[in-house]
C-alpha atoms as a PDB file:
ATOM      1  CA  MET A   1      -7.398   9.602 -12.971  1.00  0.00           C
ATOM      2  CA  GLY A   2     -10.056  12.384 -13.150  1.00  0.00           C
ATOM      3  CA  LEU A   3     -13.175  11.324 -11.294  1.00  0.00           C
ATOM      4  CA  LEU A   4     -11.523   8.695  -9.090  1.00  0.00           C
ATOM      5  CA  HIS A   5      -9.004  11.275  -7.894  1.00  0.00           C
ATOM      6  CA  ASP A   6     -11.865  13.633  -7.031  1.00  0.00           C
ATOM      7  CA  LEU A   7     -13.464  10.874  -4.943  1.00  0.00           C
ATOM      8  CA  ASP A   8     -10.375  10.212  -2.823  1.00  0.00           C
ATOM      9  CA  ASP A   9     -11.809  12.195   0.079  1.00  0.00           C
ATOM     10  CA  GLY A  10     -14.520   9.552   0.560  1.00  0.00           C
ATOM     11  CA  LYS A  11     -17.391  11.994   0.137  1.00  0.00           C
ATOM     12  CA  LYS A  12     -20.471  11.116  -1.885  1.00  0.00           C
ATOM     13  CA  ARG A  13     -20.524  13.261  -5.020  1.00  0.00           C
ATOM     14  CA  GLU A  14     -22.979  13.842  -7.825  1.00  0.00           C
ATOM     15  CA  ILE A  15     -21.570  12.718 -11.168  1.00  0.00           C
ATOM     16  CA  SER A  16     -22.693  12.761 -14.783  1.00  0.00           C
ATOM     17  CA  GLU A  17     -24.654  10.005 -16.471  1.00  0.00           C
ATOM     18  CA  ASP A  18     -21.711   9.563 -18.851  1.00  0.00           C
ATOM     19  CA  ASP A  19     -19.358   8.900 -15.928  1.00  0.00           C
ATOM     20  CA  TYR A  20     -21.818   6.419 -14.441  1.00  0.00           C
ATOM     21  CA  ASP A  21     -22.127   4.547 -17.736  1.00  0.00           C
ATOM     22  CA  TYR A  22     -18.374   4.603 -18.335  1.00  0.00           C
ATOM     23  CA  PHE A  23     -17.470   2.949 -15.030  1.00  0.00           C
ATOM     24  CA  LEU A  24     -20.298   0.459 -15.400  1.00  0.00           C
ATOM     25  CA  ASP A  25     -19.003  -0.689 -18.790  1.00  0.00           C
ATOM     26  CA  VAL A  26     -15.219  -0.194 -18.771  1.00  0.00           C
ATOM     27  CA  LEU A  27     -14.588  -3.241 -16.532  1.00  0.00           C
ATOM     28  CA  PRO A  28     -16.867  -5.885 -15.051  1.00  0.00           C
ATOM     29  CA  PRO A  29     -18.192  -4.521 -11.722  1.00  0.00           C
ATOM     30  CA  VAL A  30     -16.706  -6.168  -8.638  1.00  0.00           C
ATOM     31  CA  ALA A  31     -19.981  -5.767  -6.714  1.00  0.00           C
ATOM     32  CA  PHE A  32     -23.692  -5.401  -7.511  1.00  0.00           C
ATOM     33  CA  ARG A  33     -26.506  -3.997  -5.377  1.00  0.00           C
ATOM     34  CA  PHE A  34     -24.785  -3.766  -2.026  1.00  0.00           C
ATOM     35  CA  ARG A  35     -25.276  -1.657   1.071  1.00  0.00           C
ATOM     36  CA  TRP A  36     -22.475   0.495   2.424  1.00  0.00           C
ATOM     37  CA  ASN A  37     -22.397   3.506   4.752  1.00  0.00           C
ATOM     38  CA  ASN A  38     -26.172   3.152   5.332  1.00  0.00           C
ATOM     39  CA  GLU A  39     -26.941   3.565   1.631  1.00  0.00           C
ATOM     40  CA  ASN A  40     -27.792   1.242  -1.234  1.00  0.00           C
ATOM     41  CA  TRP A  41     -25.420   1.219  -4.200  1.00  0.00           C
ATOM     42  CA  HIS A  42     -26.035  -0.182  -7.671  1.00  0.00           C
ATOM     43  CA  PHE A  43     -22.511  -1.376  -8.476  1.00  0.00           C
ATOM     44  CA  GLY A  44     -18.893  -1.177  -7.370  1.00  0.00           C
ATOM     45  CA  PHE A  45     -15.859  -0.453  -9.545  1.00  0.00           C
ATOM     46  CA  SER A  46     -12.270  -1.367  -8.732  1.00  0.00           C
ATOM     47  CA  GLU A  47      -9.160  -1.931 -10.824  1.00  0.00           C
ATOM     48  CA  GLY A  48      -6.654  -4.342  -9.320  1.00  0.00           C
ATOM     49  CA  TYR A  49      -5.812  -4.347  -5.622  1.00  0.00           C
ATOM     50  CA  ASP A  50      -7.618  -1.142  -4.717  1.00  0.00           C
ATOM     51  CA  TYR A  51     -10.631   0.238  -2.907  1.00  0.00           C
ATOM     52  CA  ILE A  52     -14.124  -0.135  -4.359  1.00  0.00           C
ATOM     53  CA  TYR A  53     -15.786   2.957  -5.806  1.00  0.00           C
ATOM     54  CA  ALA A  54     -19.550   2.779  -5.315  1.00  0.00           C
ATOM     55  CA  PHE A  55     -22.030   4.101  -7.893  1.00  0.00           C
ATOM     56  CA  THR A  56     -25.781   4.625  -7.717  1.00  0.00           C
ATOM     57  CA  LYS A  57     -28.709   6.409  -9.339  1.00  0.00           C
ATOM     58  CA  GLN A  58     -31.207   8.254  -7.136  1.00  0.00           C
ATOM     59  CA  GLY A  59     -34.142  10.314  -8.337  1.00  0.00           C
ATOM     60  CA  GLY A  60     -32.762  10.754 -11.826  1.00  0.00           C
ATOM     61  CA  LYS A  61     -29.330  11.828 -10.553  1.00  0.00           C
ATOM     62  CA  TYR A  62     -26.085   9.866 -10.403  1.00  0.00           C
ATOM     63  CA  TYR A  63     -23.700   9.593  -7.450  1.00  0.00           C
ATOM     64  CA  ALA A  64     -20.395   7.974  -6.564  1.00  0.00           C
ATOM     65  CA  ALA A  65     -18.167   7.573  -3.509  1.00  0.00           C
ATOM     66  CA  LYS A  66     -14.913   5.872  -2.598  1.00  0.00           C
ATOM     67  CA  THR A  67     -15.594   3.153  -0.023  1.00  0.00           C
ATOM     68  CA  ASP A  68     -13.336   1.575   2.573  1.00  0.00           C
ATOM     69  CA  LEU A  69     -13.929  -1.846   0.995  1.00  0.00           C
ATOM     70  CA  LEU A  70     -11.242  -3.666  -0.978  1.00  0.00           C
ATOM     71  CA  ASN A  71     -11.693  -5.436  -4.305  1.00  0.00           C
ATOM     72  CA  PRO A  72     -12.729  -8.923  -3.103  1.00  0.00           C
ATOM     73  CA  TYR A  73     -11.258 -10.634  -6.162  1.00  0.00           C
ATOM     74  CA  GLU A  74      -7.797  -9.251  -5.362  1.00  0.00           C
ATOM     75  CA  CYS A  75      -7.655  -9.235  -1.567  1.00  0.00           C
ATOM     76  CA  GLY A  76      -9.277 -12.672  -1.210  1.00  0.00           C
ATOM     77  CA  ILE A  77     -11.929 -11.499   1.264  1.00  0.00           C
ATOM     78  CA  SER A  78     -15.576 -11.545   0.212  1.00  0.00           C
ATOM     79  CA  LEU A  79     -17.581  -8.335   0.224  1.00  0.00           C
ATOM     80  CA  GLU A  80     -19.975  -9.869   2.745  1.00  0.00           C
ATOM     81  CA  ASP A  81     -17.163 -10.665   5.192  1.00  0.00           C
ATOM     82  CA  GLN A  82     -15.710  -7.188   4.817  1.00  0.00           C
ATOM     83  CA  LEU A  83     -19.099  -5.575   5.482  1.00  0.00           C
ATOM     84  CA  GLN A  84     -19.642  -7.775   8.534  1.00  0.00           C
ATOM     85  CA  GLY A  85     -16.169  -7.170   9.925  1.00  0.00           C
ATOM     86  CA  LYS A  86     -15.236 -10.852   9.723  1.00  0.00           C
ATOM     87  CA  ALA A  87     -12.102 -10.397   7.651  1.00  0.00           C
ATOM     88  CA  PRO A  88      -8.822 -11.197   9.468  1.00  0.00           C
ATOM     89  CA  HIS A  89      -6.090  -8.565   9.104  1.00  0.00           C
ATOM     90  CA  LEU A  90      -8.375  -6.369   6.986  1.00  0.00           C
ATOM     91  CA  LYS A  91      -7.150  -3.222   8.724  1.00  0.00           C
ATOM     92  CA  GLU A  92      -3.564  -4.134   7.888  1.00  0.00           C
ATOM     93  CA  ARG A  93      -4.477  -4.890   4.277  1.00  0.00           C
ATOM     94  CA  LYS A  94      -6.149  -1.482   3.943  1.00  0.00           C
ATOM     95  CA  GLU A  95      -3.122   0.244   5.430  1.00  0.00           C
ATOM     96  CA  ALA A  96      -0.913  -1.541   2.902  1.00  0.00           C
ATOM     97  CA  THR A  97      -3.168  -0.383   0.083  1.00  0.00           C
ATOM     98  CA  ARG A  98      -2.981   3.225   1.232  1.00  0.00           C
ATOM     99  CA  ALA A  99       0.800   2.962   1.600  1.00  0.00           C
ATOM    100  CA  ALA A 100       1.126   1.803  -2.013  1.00  0.00           C
ATOM    101  CA  SER A 101       0.480   5.389  -3.133  1.00  0.00           C
ATOM    102  CA  TRP A 102       4.096   6.133  -2.107  1.00  0.00           C
ATOM    103  CA  ILE A 103       5.544   3.613  -4.577  1.00  0.00           C
ATOM    104  CA  PRO A 104       6.160   6.101  -7.446  1.00  0.00           C
ATOM    105  CA  THR A 105       8.082   8.330  -5.017  1.00  0.00           C
ATOM    106  CA  TRP A 106      10.083   5.408  -3.604  1.00  0.00           C
ATOM    107  CA  LEU A 107      10.834   4.153  -7.115  1.00  0.00           C
ATOM    108  CA  LYS A 108      12.250   7.547  -8.092  1.00  0.00           C
ATOM    109  CA  ILE A 109      14.370   7.699  -4.924  1.00  0.00           C
ATOM    110  CA  GLY A 110      15.663   4.168  -5.493  1.00  0.00           C
ATOM    111  CA  LYS A 111      16.713   4.980  -9.044  1.00  0.00           C
ATOM    112  CA  GLN A 112      18.756   7.887  -7.707  1.00  0.00           C
ATOM    113  CA  ASN A 113      20.711   5.503  -5.462  1.00  0.00           C
ATOM    114  CA  ALA A 114      24.062   4.521  -6.997  1.00  0.00           C
ATOM    115  CA  PHE A 115      23.703   0.880  -5.923  1.00  0.00           C
ATOM    116  CA  ILE A 116      20.004   0.229  -6.445  1.00  0.00           C
ATOM    117  CA  ARG A 117      19.872   1.679  -9.951  1.00  0.00           C
ATOM    118  CA  ARG A 118      22.351  -1.014 -11.066  1.00  0.00           C
ATOM    119  CA  ALA A 119      19.811  -3.765 -10.354  1.00  0.00           C
ATOM    120  CA  SER A 120      19.308  -5.840 -13.506  1.00  0.00           C
ATOM    121  CA  ASP A 121      18.211  -9.373 -12.573  1.00  0.00           C
ATOM    122  CA  PRO A 122      15.483  -8.565 -11.848  1.00  0.00           C
ATOM    123  CA  PRO A 123      15.409  -4.855 -12.736  1.00  0.00           C
ATOM    124  CA  PHE A 124      14.254  -2.336 -10.156  1.00  0.00           C
ATOM    125  CA  ASN A 125      10.696  -1.272 -10.996  1.00  0.00           C
ATOM    126  CA  THR A 126       7.201  -1.133  -9.500  1.00  0.00           C
ATOM    127  CA  GLN A 127       7.142  -4.929  -9.294  1.00  0.00           C
ATOM    128  CA  SER A 128      10.038  -4.789  -6.828  1.00  0.00           C
ATOM    129  CA  PHE A 129       7.789  -3.533  -4.009  1.00  0.00           C
ATOM    130  CA  HIS A 130       6.041  -5.912  -1.622  1.00  0.00           C
ATOM    131  CA  ALA A 131       3.524  -4.767   1.005  1.00  0.00           C
ATOM    132  CA  CYS A 132       3.937  -6.358   4.436  1.00  0.00           C
ATOM    133  CA  VAL A 133       0.651  -6.574   6.341  1.00  0.00           C
ATOM    134  CA  ASN A 134       2.288  -6.581   9.784  1.00  0.00           C
ATOM    135  CA  ASP A 135       5.657  -6.113  11.489  1.00  0.00           C
ATOM    136  CA  ASP A 136       6.206  -9.841  11.925  1.00  0.00           C
ATOM    137  CA  GLU A 137       6.095 -10.356   8.165  1.00  0.00           C
ATOM    138  CA  LEU A 138       8.507  -7.479   7.577  1.00  0.00           C
ATOM    139  CA  LEU A 139      10.993  -8.716  10.175  1.00  0.00           C
ATOM    140  CA  ASP A 140      10.747 -12.249   8.784  1.00  0.00           C
ATOM    141  CA  LYS A 141      11.748 -10.861   5.381  1.00  0.00           C
ATOM    142  CA  PHE A 142      14.788  -9.176   6.944  1.00  0.00           C
ATOM    143  CA  ALA A 143      15.743 -12.336   8.835  1.00  0.00           C
ATOM    144  CA  HIS A 144      15.439 -14.479   5.700  1.00  0.00           C
ATOM    145  CA  GLY A 145      18.106 -12.444   3.913  1.00  0.00           C
ATOM    146  CA  ASN A 146      19.665 -13.178   0.518  1.00  0.00           C
ATOM    147  CA  TRP A 147      17.485 -10.657  -1.340  1.00  0.00           C
ATOM    148  CA  CYS A 148      18.364  -9.265  -4.757  1.00  0.00           C
ATOM    149  CA  THR A 149      19.446  -5.666  -5.152  1.00  0.00           C
ATOM    150  CA  GLY A 150      16.327  -3.544  -5.537  1.00  0.00           C
ATOM    151  CA  GLN A 151      13.968  -5.812  -3.599  1.00  0.00           C
ATOM    152  CA  ALA A 152      11.741  -3.519  -1.565  1.00  0.00           C
ATOM    153  CA  PHE A 153       9.436  -4.126   1.377  1.00  0.00           C
ATOM    154  CA  TYR A 154       7.137  -1.545   2.858  1.00  0.00           C
ATOM    155  CA  ARG A 155       4.770  -1.085   5.747  1.00  0.00           C
ATOM    156  CA  GLY A 156       2.864   2.139   6.242  1.00  0.00           C
ATOM    157  CA  ASP A 157       4.987   5.091   5.112  1.00  0.00           C
ATOM    158  CA  LEU A 158       8.264   3.233   5.682  1.00  0.00           C
ATOM    159  CA  CYS A 159      10.053   1.558   2.782  1.00  0.00           C
ATOM    160  CA  PHE A 160      13.198  -0.592   2.835  1.00  0.00           C
ATOM    161  CA  ILE A 161      15.162  -1.318  -0.355  1.00  0.00           C
ATOM    162  CA  GLU A 162      18.052  -3.824  -0.577  1.00  0.00           C
ATOM    163  CA  GLN A 163      21.167  -2.037  -1.833  1.00  0.00           C
ATOM    164  CA  SER A 164      23.459  -5.005  -2.491  1.00  0.00           C
ATOM    165  CA  ASN A 165      22.725  -8.608  -3.470  1.00  0.00           C
ATOM    166  CA  GLY A 166      22.335 -10.696  -0.338  1.00  0.00           C
ATOM    167  CA  ALA A 167      24.090  -8.163   1.903  1.00  0.00           C
ATOM    168  CA  GLY A 168      21.043  -7.056   3.879  1.00  0.00           C
ATOM    169  CA  GLU A 169      21.924  -3.362   3.615  1.00  0.00           C
ATOM    170  CA  TRP A 170      18.539  -1.666   3.488  1.00  0.00           C
ATOM    171  CA  LEU A 171      18.012   1.886   2.293  1.00  0.00           C
ATOM    172  CA  VAL A 172      15.381   3.296   4.655  1.00  0.00           C
ATOM    173  CA  ILE A 173      12.825   5.791   3.341  1.00  0.00           C
ATOM    174  CA  LYS A 174      10.060   7.483   5.285  1.00  0.00           C
ATOM    175  CA  GLN A 175       7.441   9.003   3.013  1.00  0.00           C
ATOM    176  CA  GLY A 176       9.621  10.873   0.494  1.00  0.00           C
ATOM    177  CA  THR A 177      12.794  11.075   2.590  1.00  0.00           C
ATOM    178  CA  PRO A 178      15.685   8.578   2.313  1.00  0.00           C
ATOM    179  CA  PHE A 179      17.755   8.920   5.476  1.00  0.00           C
ATOM    180  CA  GLU A 180      19.546   5.764   6.595  1.00  0.00           C
ATOM    181  CA  SER A 181      21.086   2.410   5.716  1.00  0.00           C
ATOM    182  CA  ILE A 182      20.313  -0.334   8.263  1.00  0.00           C
ATOM    183  CA  SER A 183      21.430  -3.988   8.459  1.00  0.00           C
ATOM    184  CA  PHE A 184      18.239  -5.415   9.938  1.00  0.00           C
ATOM    185  CA  GLY A 185      19.246  -9.027   9.356  1.00  0.00           C
ATOM    186  CA  GLN A 186      22.440  -8.538  11.333  1.00  0.00           C
ATOM    187  CA  ILE A 187      20.529  -6.833  14.156  1.00  0.00           C
ATOM    188  CA  ILE A 188      18.122  -9.781  14.356  1.00  0.00           C
ATOM    189  CA  ARG A 189      20.967 -12.324  14.384  1.00  0.00           C
ATOM    190  CA  LYS A 190      23.101 -10.533  16.992  1.00  0.00           C
ATOM    191  CA  GLN A 191      20.553  -8.724  19.167  1.00  0.00           C
ATOM    192  CA  GLY A 192      17.331 -10.598  18.536  1.00  0.00           C
ATOM    193  CA  HIS A 193      13.875  -9.997  17.147  1.00  0.00           C
ATOM    194  CA  ASP A 194      12.867  -7.635  19.980  1.00  0.00           C
ATOM    195  CA  ALA A 195      15.745  -5.269  19.258  1.00  0.00           C
ATOM    196  CA  ALA A 196      14.779  -5.068  15.587  1.00  0.00           C
ATOM    197  CA  GLN A 197      11.140  -4.482  16.562  1.00  0.00           C
ATOM    198  CA  ALA A 198      12.139  -1.671  18.928  1.00  0.00           C
ATOM    199  CA  LEU A 199      14.136   0.001  16.159  1.00  0.00           C
ATOM    200  CA  LEU A 200      11.223  -0.352  13.769  1.00  0.00           C
ATOM    201  CA  ASP A 201       8.915   1.215  16.363  1.00  0.00           C
ATOM    202  CA  ARG A 202      11.261   4.200  16.741  1.00  0.00           C
ATOM    203  CA  LEU A 203      11.422   4.693  12.983  1.00  0.00           C
ATOM    204  CA  ARG A 204       7.630   4.623  12.773  1.00  0.00           C
ATOM    205  CA  LYS A 205       7.067   7.093  15.605  1.00  0.00           C
ATOM    206  CA  ALA A 206       9.740   9.612  14.650  1.00  0.00           C
ATOM    207  CA  PRO A 207       8.626  12.564  12.467  1.00  0.00           C
ATOM    208  CA  VAL A 208      10.272  12.840   9.061  1.00  0.00           C
ATOM    209  CA  GLU A 209      12.331  15.812  10.246  1.00  0.00           C
ATOM    210  CA  ARG A 210      13.888  13.794  13.069  1.00  0.00           C
ATOM    211  CA  CYS A 211      14.573  10.868  10.743  1.00  0.00           C
ATOM    212  CA  ARG A 212      16.339  13.222   8.372  1.00  0.00           C
ATOM    213  CA  GLU A 213      18.576  14.303  11.263  1.00  0.00           C
ATOM    214  CA  LEU A 214      19.070  10.642  12.307  1.00  0.00           C
ATOM    215  CA  ASP A 215      17.431  11.475  15.633  1.00  0.00           C
ATOM    216  CA  TYR A 216      15.078   8.561  16.062  1.00  0.00           C
END
């Protein structure tokens, strides 16, 4: 974690030559000699579906910064298109990446749930979580139904985990607070897509404290 954690604020920081060499060699760079934030960078490091960390050498000193660019080999959007703003749904993809930082918390909460922790085929783990890039995708997942216990979908700081095979009973978590069980599939079937969207909008807008009190 170390250096990358220190760079999470997005500020350009001076680093050691050893750190520069380490990140240059530990994995093949995902970008070489690119321009970002009005500066030239020598290479970009990223592991998996994550943001690119930019590294450069200037005047005998070494610097690094966390960019707002995604690993092009994982997100499927070239660095050039990202830099030129040509990437469709890039904002949503970035939001999904940021939201993924909640997964360890959601995993712990899910394992404390009497129903979800029984999931065995497949087991409930980090692979159970799927990022939805927009509300339409999330609502389509709810409407589809027939999900295994432990299947989780998330968008922003909201996470929904199936509590019973095929039942469509979703444990709702906002940030680190589990507060409700909602049958989204049933709402879509009986009241329509717009009703489910309105509920989702209320959940998103309500502060965690109000969600905890079921006042959303």
